[in-house]
């Protein structure tokens, strides 16, 4: 029975740690540009470097 108390406390601690990490990521702007990374794969960086004027 004592082990159950430790497991509940550990689960609540890890859950609150995950919630704090999510809130920090939300506040620091990690989810601001959701389409940028998806669109960035479509552009070839080598073509942009070759098209620059020397």
C-alpha atoms as a PDB file:
ATOM      1  CA  UNK A   1       0.000   0.000   0.000  1.00  0.00           C
ATOM      2  CA  UNK A   2       2.911   2.340   0.669  1.00  0.00           C
ATOM      3  CA  UNK A   3       4.173   1.787  -2.862  1.00  0.00           C
ATOM      4  CA  UNK A   4       0.879   3.032  -4.272  1.00  0.00           C
ATOM      5  CA  UNK A   5       1.297   6.366  -2.504  1.00  0.00           C
ATOM      6  CA  UNK A   6       4.775   6.766  -4.005  1.00  0.00           C
ATOM      7  CA  UNK A   7       3.522   5.862  -7.481  1.00  0.00           C
ATOM      8  CA  UNK A   8       0.642   8.350  -7.288  1.00  0.00           C
ATOM      9  CA  UNK A   9       2.996  11.075  -6.115  1.00  0.00           C
ATOM     10  CA  UNK A  10       5.449  10.258  -8.918  1.00  0.00           C
ATOM     11  CA  UNK A  11       2.656  10.281 -11.520  1.00  0.00           C
ATOM     12  CA  UNK A  12       1.362  13.633 -10.313  1.00  0.00           C
ATOM     13  CA  UNK A  13       4.887  15.055 -10.284  1.00  0.00           C
ATOM     14  CA  UNK A  14       5.675  13.875 -13.808  1.00  0.00           C
ATOM     15  CA  UNK A  15       2.296  15.070 -15.066  1.00  0.00           C
ATOM     16  CA  UNK A  16       2.798  18.525 -13.625  1.00  0.00           C
ATOM     17  CA  UNK A  17       6.328  18.624 -15.052  1.00  0.00           C
ATOM     18  CA  UNK A  18       4.955  17.798 -18.507  1.00  0.00           C
ATOM     19  CA  UNK A  19       2.255  20.454 -18.135  1.00  0.00           C
ATOM     20  CA  UNK A  20       4.841  23.054 -17.141  1.00  0.00           C
ATOM     21  CA  UNK A  21       7.030  22.129 -20.122  1.00  0.00           C
ATOM     22  CA  UNK A  22       4.049  22.485 -22.466  1.00  0.00           C
ATOM     23  CA  UNK A  23       3.073  25.856 -21.004  1.00  0.00           C
ATOM     24  CA  UNK A  24       6.664  27.086 -21.288  1.00  0.00           C
ATOM     25  CA  UNK A  25       6.805  26.019 -24.956  1.00  0.00           C
ATOM     26  CA  UNK A  26       3.478  27.721 -25.598  1.00  0.00           C
ATOM     27  CA  UNK A  27       4.605  30.952 -23.937  1.00  0.00           C
ATOM     28  CA  UNK A  28       8.016  31.029 -25.643  1.00  0.00           C
ATOM     29  CA  UNK A  29       6.484  30.851 -29.125  1.00  0.00           C
ATOM     30  CA  UNK A  30       7.335  27.303 -30.147  1.00  0.00           C
ATOM     31  CA  UNK A  31       3.953  26.876 -31.837  1.00  0.00           C
ATOM     32  CA  UNK A  32       3.747  30.243 -33.623  1.00  0.00           C
ATOM     33  CA  UNK A  33       4.835  29.109 -37.102  1.00  0.00           C
ATOM     34  CA  UNK A  34       3.156  25.775 -37.762  1.00  0.00           C
ATOM     35  CA  UNK A  35       3.290  25.939 -41.575  1.00  0.00           C
ATOM     36  CA  UNK A  36       6.818  27.315 -41.951  1.00  0.00           C
ATOM     37  CA  UNK A  37       8.586  24.024 -41.323  1.00  0.00           C
ATOM     38  CA  UNK A  38       6.192  22.176 -43.615  1.00  0.00           C
ATOM     39  CA  UNK A  39       6.748  24.661 -46.452  1.00  0.00           C
ATOM     40  CA  UNK A  40      10.507  24.897 -45.915  1.00  0.00           C
ATOM     41  CA  UNK A  41      11.014  21.344 -47.140  1.00  0.00           C
ATOM     42  CA  UNK A  42       9.619  22.296 -50.557  1.00  0.00           C
ATOM     43  CA  UNK A  43      12.365  24.827 -51.303  1.00  0.00           C
ATOM     44  CA  UNK A  44      15.816  23.673 -52.303  1.00  0.00           C
ATOM     45  CA  UNK A  45      18.553  25.673 -50.587  1.00  0.00           C
ATOM     46  CA  UNK A  46      21.146  24.669 -53.185  1.00  0.00           C
ATOM     47  CA  UNK A  47      19.193  26.454 -55.922  1.00  0.00           C
ATOM     48  CA  UNK A  48      19.052  29.645 -53.893  1.00  0.00           C
ATOM     49  CA  UNK A  49      22.814  29.574 -53.297  1.00  0.00           C
ATOM     50  CA  UNK A  50      23.552  28.980 -57.011  1.00  0.00           C
ATOM     51  CA  UNK A  51      21.241  31.811 -58.171  1.00  0.00           C
ATOM     52  CA  UNK A  52      22.944  34.515 -56.057  1.00  0.00           C
ATOM     53  CA  UNK A  53      25.064  37.041 -57.918  1.00  0.00           C
ATOM     54  CA  UNK A  54      28.786  36.700 -57.145  1.00  0.00           C
END
